[in-house]
């Protein structure tokens, strides 16, 4: 029952993301938060902030969602931090494998707590799965911000 619920939740989240991604990317690409403020009068139009915003718009660079924008920098930072955490988890699991003392993958008594090797194997597998998920999420963010939003 729980696995069906998890699968349904993953499908729902994926479908929602795919449905709303084009609308969000077009909104992020076309929005300029300073547009109204810079076009009120000549004094504000000549301000350094508005001139910088106009220069960015001439280059078609979106400082938030475009290539080299805030979203890419945040995705890079999050990917590096979580990748370091996943590698640390893998190393801890490997150390637990080495120090397990040769006990088997499953405990001898049914219903007993898992052995050290089973815990170590689970930790390494979780670290690898986390590393793959982070890498795929980073690739998706970079693909959307570099190719879809221009």
C-alpha atoms as a PDB file:
ATOM      1  CA  UNK A   1       0.000   0.000   0.000  1.00  0.00           C
ATOM      2  CA  UNK A   2       2.799   2.405   0.911  1.00  0.00           C
ATOM      3  CA  UNK A   3       4.729   1.714  -2.290  1.00  0.00           C
ATOM      4  CA  UNK A   4       1.629   2.404  -4.389  1.00  0.00           C
ATOM      5  CA  UNK A   5       1.194   5.695  -2.574  1.00  0.00           C
ATOM      6  CA  UNK A   6       4.819   6.625  -3.198  1.00  0.00           C
ATOM      7  CA  UNK A   7       4.570   5.735  -6.882  1.00  0.00           C
ATOM      8  CA  UNK A   8       1.359   7.751  -7.231  1.00  0.00           C
ATOM      9  CA  UNK A   9       2.997  10.726  -5.515  1.00  0.00           C
ATOM     10  CA  UNK A  10       6.039  10.568  -7.799  1.00  0.00           C
ATOM     11  CA  UNK A  11       3.831  10.367 -10.895  1.00  0.00           C
ATOM     12  CA  UNK A  12       1.711  13.282  -9.670  1.00  0.00           C
ATOM     13  CA  UNK A  13       4.745  15.468  -8.960  1.00  0.00           C
ATOM     14  CA  UNK A  14       6.380  14.617 -12.288  1.00  0.00           C
ATOM     15  CA  UNK A  15       3.201  15.318 -14.254  1.00  0.00           C
ATOM     16  CA  UNK A  16       2.665  18.612 -12.450  1.00  0.00           C
ATOM     17  CA  UNK A  17       6.244  19.685 -13.094  1.00  0.00           C
ATOM     18  CA  UNK A  18       5.972  18.821 -16.765  1.00  0.00           C
ATOM     19  CA  UNK A  19       2.665  20.655 -17.137  1.00  0.00           C
ATOM     20  CA  UNK A  20       3.762  23.873 -15.443  1.00  0.00           C
ATOM     21  CA  UNK A  21       7.400  24.035 -16.585  1.00  0.00           C
ATOM     22  CA  UNK A  22       6.713  25.814 -19.910  1.00  0.00           C
ATOM     23  CA  UNK A  23       4.573  28.465 -18.228  1.00  0.00           C
ATOM     24  CA  UNK A  24       7.148  29.104 -15.526  1.00  0.00           C
ATOM     25  CA  UNK A  25      10.057  29.276 -17.955  1.00  0.00           C
ATOM     26  CA  UNK A  26       8.296  31.782 -20.210  1.00  0.00           C
ATOM     27  CA  UNK A  27       7.351  33.856 -17.169  1.00  0.00           C
ATOM     28  CA  UNK A  28      10.910  33.846 -15.845  1.00  0.00           C
ATOM     29  CA  UNK A  29      12.370  34.648 -19.246  1.00  0.00           C
ATOM     30  CA  UNK A  30      10.091  37.577 -19.985  1.00  0.00           C
ATOM     31  CA  UNK A  31       9.873  39.223 -16.574  1.00  0.00           C
ATOM     32  CA  UNK A  32      11.854  42.329 -15.771  1.00  0.00           C
ATOM     33  CA  UNK A  33      11.056  43.525 -12.257  1.00  0.00           C
ATOM     34  CA  UNK A  34      12.430  47.016 -12.986  1.00  0.00           C
ATOM     35  CA  UNK A  35      10.446  47.576 -16.174  1.00  0.00           C
ATOM     36  CA  UNK A  36       7.681  49.724 -14.655  1.00  0.00           C
ATOM     37  CA  UNK A  37       9.994  51.600 -12.317  1.00  0.00           C
ATOM     38  CA  UNK A  38      12.455  52.520 -15.070  1.00  0.00           C
ATOM     39  CA  UNK A  39       9.802  53.768 -17.488  1.00  0.00           C
ATOM     40  CA  UNK A  40       8.044  56.243 -15.177  1.00  0.00           C
ATOM     41  CA  UNK A  41      10.076  59.370 -15.999  1.00  0.00           C
ATOM     42  CA  UNK A  42      13.420  60.547 -17.427  1.00  0.00           C
ATOM     43  CA  UNK A  43      15.059  60.791 -14.017  1.00  0.00           C
ATOM     44  CA  UNK A  44      14.501  57.147 -13.172  1.00  0.00           C
ATOM     45  CA  UNK A  45      15.328  56.069 -16.721  1.00  0.00           C
ATOM     46  CA  UNK A  46      18.832  57.534 -16.357  1.00  0.00           C
ATOM     47  CA  UNK A  47      19.523  55.997 -12.961  1.00  0.00           C
ATOM     48  CA  UNK A  48      22.467  53.552 -12.786  1.00  0.00           C
ATOM     49  CA  UNK A  49      20.206  50.678 -11.792  1.00  0.00           C
ATOM     50  CA  UNK A  50      17.904  51.146 -14.777  1.00  0.00           C
ATOM     51  CA  UNK A  51      20.854  51.551 -17.125  1.00  0.00           C
ATOM     52  CA  UNK A  52      22.288  48.276 -15.863  1.00  0.00           C
ATOM     53  CA  UNK A  53      18.921  46.550 -16.354  1.00  0.00           C
ATOM     54  CA  UNK A  54      18.678  47.923 -19.899  1.00  0.00           C
ATOM     55  CA  UNK A  55      22.211  46.725 -20.669  1.00  0.00           C
ATOM     56  CA  UNK A  56      21.300  43.245 -19.485  1.00  0.00           C
ATOM     57  CA  UNK A  57      18.157  43.251 -21.593  1.00  0.00           C
ATOM     58  CA  UNK A  58      20.137  44.268 -24.700  1.00  0.00           C
ATOM     59  CA  UNK A  59      22.312  41.178 -24.300  1.00  0.00           C
ATOM     60  CA  UNK A  60      19.196  39.028 -23.746  1.00  0.00           C
ATOM     61  CA  UNK A  61      20.700  37.821 -20.487  1.00  0.00           C
ATOM     62  CA  UNK A  62      18.295  36.938 -17.750  1.00  0.00           C
ATOM     63  CA  UNK A  63      20.147  37.490 -14.453  1.00  0.00           C
ATOM     64  CA  UNK A  64      17.816  35.127 -12.628  1.00  0.00           C
ATOM     65  CA  UNK A  65      17.096  32.193 -14.921  1.00  0.00           C
ATOM     66  CA  UNK A  66      19.484  32.657 -17.843  1.00  0.00           C
ATOM     67  CA  UNK A  67      22.865  31.043 -18.339  1.00  0.00           C
ATOM     68  CA  UNK A  68      25.118  32.092 -15.482  1.00  0.00           C
ATOM     69  CA  UNK A  69      22.107  33.354 -13.508  1.00  0.00           C
ATOM     70  CA  UNK A  70      21.149  32.954  -9.890  1.00  0.00           C
ATOM     71  CA  UNK A  71      19.307  29.673 -10.476  1.00  0.00           C
ATOM     72  CA  UNK A  72      22.380  28.075 -12.084  1.00  0.00           C
ATOM     73  CA  UNK A  73      24.654  29.283  -9.297  1.00  0.00           C
ATOM     74  CA  UNK A  74      22.267  27.992  -6.625  1.00  0.00           C
ATOM     75  CA  UNK A  75      21.944  24.640  -8.422  1.00  0.00           C
ATOM     76  CA  UNK A  76      25.732  24.368  -8.630  1.00  0.00           C
ATOM     77  CA  UNK A  77      26.130  25.121  -4.919  1.00  0.00           C
ATOM     78  CA  UNK A  78      23.399  22.688  -3.851  1.00  0.00           C
ATOM     79  CA  UNK A  79      24.788  19.968  -6.139  1.00  0.00           C
ATOM     80  CA  UNK A  80      28.309  20.341  -4.745  1.00  0.00           C
ATOM     81  CA  UNK A  81      27.172  20.293  -1.115  1.00  0.00           C
ATOM     82  CA  UNK A  82      24.900  17.267  -1.547  1.00  0.00           C
ATOM     83  CA  UNK A  83      27.482  15.428  -3.656  1.00  0.00           C
ATOM     84  CA  UNK A  84      30.041  15.895  -0.889  1.00  0.00           C
ATOM     85  CA  UNK A  85      27.484  14.562   1.610  1.00  0.00           C
ATOM     86  CA  UNK A  86      26.752  11.534  -0.591  1.00  0.00           C
ATOM     87  CA  UNK A  87      30.440  10.749  -0.992  1.00  0.00           C
ATOM     88  CA  UNK A  88      30.896  10.985   2.784  1.00  0.00           C
ATOM     89  CA  UNK A  89      27.985   8.553   3.247  1.00  0.00           C
ATOM     90  CA  UNK A  90      29.571   6.154   0.760  1.00  0.00           C
ATOM     91  CA  UNK A  91      32.911   6.363   2.579  1.00  0.00           C
ATOM     92  CA  UNK A  92      31.250   5.745   5.960  1.00  0.00           C
ATOM     93  CA  UNK A  93      29.437   2.725   4.493  1.00  0.00           C
ATOM     94  CA  UNK A  94      32.705   1.416   3.041  1.00  0.00           C
ATOM     95  CA  UNK A  95      34.380   1.803   6.433  1.00  0.00           C
ATOM     96  CA  UNK A  96      31.492  -0.102   8.032  1.00  0.00           C
ATOM     97  CA  UNK A  97      31.981  -2.881   5.461  1.00  0.00           C
ATOM     98  CA  UNK A  98      35.635  -3.177   6.390  1.00  0.00           C
ATOM     99  CA  UNK A  99      34.949  -3.203  10.135  1.00  0.00           C
ATOM    100  CA  UNK A 100      31.879  -5.480   9.997  1.00  0.00           C
ATOM    101  CA  UNK A 101      33.806  -8.498  11.173  1.00  0.00           C
ATOM    102  CA  UNK A 102      32.590 -10.940   8.542  1.00  0.00           C
ATOM    103  CA  UNK A 103      28.984 -11.189   9.660  1.00  0.00           C
ATOM    104  CA  UNK A 104      26.482 -12.117   6.954  1.00  0.00           C
ATOM    105  CA  UNK A 105      24.144  -9.921   4.946  1.00  0.00           C
ATOM    106  CA  UNK A 106      21.105 -11.052   6.932  1.00  0.00           C
ATOM    107  CA  UNK A 107      20.792 -11.803  10.602  1.00  0.00           C
ATOM    108  CA  UNK A 108      20.577 -15.455  11.625  1.00  0.00           C
ATOM    109  CA  UNK A 109      17.343 -15.015  13.598  1.00  0.00           C
ATOM    110  CA  UNK A 110      14.184 -13.944  11.808  1.00  0.00           C
ATOM    111  CA  UNK A 111      12.991 -10.539  12.965  1.00  0.00           C
ATOM    112  CA  UNK A 112      16.311  -9.622  14.518  1.00  0.00           C
ATOM    113  CA  UNK A 113      18.053  -6.339  13.815  1.00  0.00           C
ATOM    114  CA  UNK A 114      20.048  -6.142  10.568  1.00  0.00           C
ATOM    115  CA  UNK A 115      23.705  -6.983  10.737  1.00  0.00           C
ATOM    116  CA  UNK A 116      26.558  -4.522  10.327  1.00  0.00           C
ATOM    117  CA  UNK A 117      27.131  -5.613   6.743  1.00  0.00           C
ATOM    118  CA  UNK A 118      23.476  -5.061   5.860  1.00  0.00           C
ATOM    119  CA  UNK A 119      23.586  -1.581   7.396  1.00  0.00           C
ATOM    120  CA  UNK A 120      26.804  -0.780   5.534  1.00  0.00           C
ATOM    121  CA  UNK A 121      25.375  -2.048   2.247  1.00  0.00           C
ATOM    122  CA  UNK A 122      22.250   0.048   2.760  1.00  0.00           C
ATOM    123  CA  UNK A 123      24.337   3.157   3.504  1.00  0.00           C
ATOM    124  CA  UNK A 124      26.483   2.720   0.377  1.00  0.00           C
ATOM    125  CA  UNK A 125      23.414   2.096  -1.785  1.00  0.00           C
ATOM    126  CA  UNK A 126      21.655   5.150  -0.346  1.00  0.00           C
ATOM    127  CA  UNK A 127      24.719   7.289  -0.996  1.00  0.00           C
ATOM    128  CA  UNK A 128      24.947   6.110  -4.603  1.00  0.00           C
ATOM    129  CA  UNK A 129      21.233   6.651  -5.206  1.00  0.00           C
ATOM    130  CA  UNK A 130      21.487  10.131  -3.696  1.00  0.00           C
ATOM    131  CA  UNK A 131      24.472  10.940  -5.902  1.00  0.00           C
ATOM    132  CA  UNK A 132      22.584   9.840  -9.024  1.00  0.00           C
ATOM    133  CA  UNK A 133      19.487  11.851  -8.047  1.00  0.00           C
ATOM    134  CA  UNK A 134      21.551  14.984  -7.406  1.00  0.00           C
ATOM    135  CA  UNK A 135      23.387  14.596 -10.715  1.00  0.00           C
ATOM    136  CA  UNK A 136      20.140  14.156 -12.646  1.00  0.00           C
ATOM    137  CA  UNK A 137      18.507  17.123 -10.902  1.00  0.00           C
ATOM    138  CA  UNK A 138      21.526  19.302 -11.701  1.00  0.00           C
ATOM    139  CA  UNK A 139      21.442  18.221 -15.361  1.00  0.00           C
ATOM    140  CA  UNK A 140      17.719  19.005 -15.603  1.00  0.00           C
ATOM    141  CA  UNK A 141      18.164  22.465 -14.062  1.00  0.00           C
ATOM    142  CA  UNK A 142      21.086  23.272 -16.361  1.00  0.00           C
ATOM    143  CA  UNK A 143      19.227  21.991 -19.402  1.00  0.00           C
ATOM    144  CA  UNK A 144      16.169  24.105 -18.666  1.00  0.00           C
ATOM    145  CA  UNK A 145      18.063  27.278 -17.803  1.00  0.00           C
ATOM    146  CA  UNK A 146      20.601  27.037 -20.627  1.00  0.00           C
ATOM    147  CA  UNK A 147      18.502  25.712 -23.503  1.00  0.00           C
ATOM    148  CA  UNK A 148      14.827  26.374 -22.777  1.00  0.00           C
ATOM    149  CA  UNK A 149      15.080  29.830 -21.197  1.00  0.00           C
ATOM    150  CA  UNK A 150      16.901  32.212 -23.495  1.00  0.00           C
END
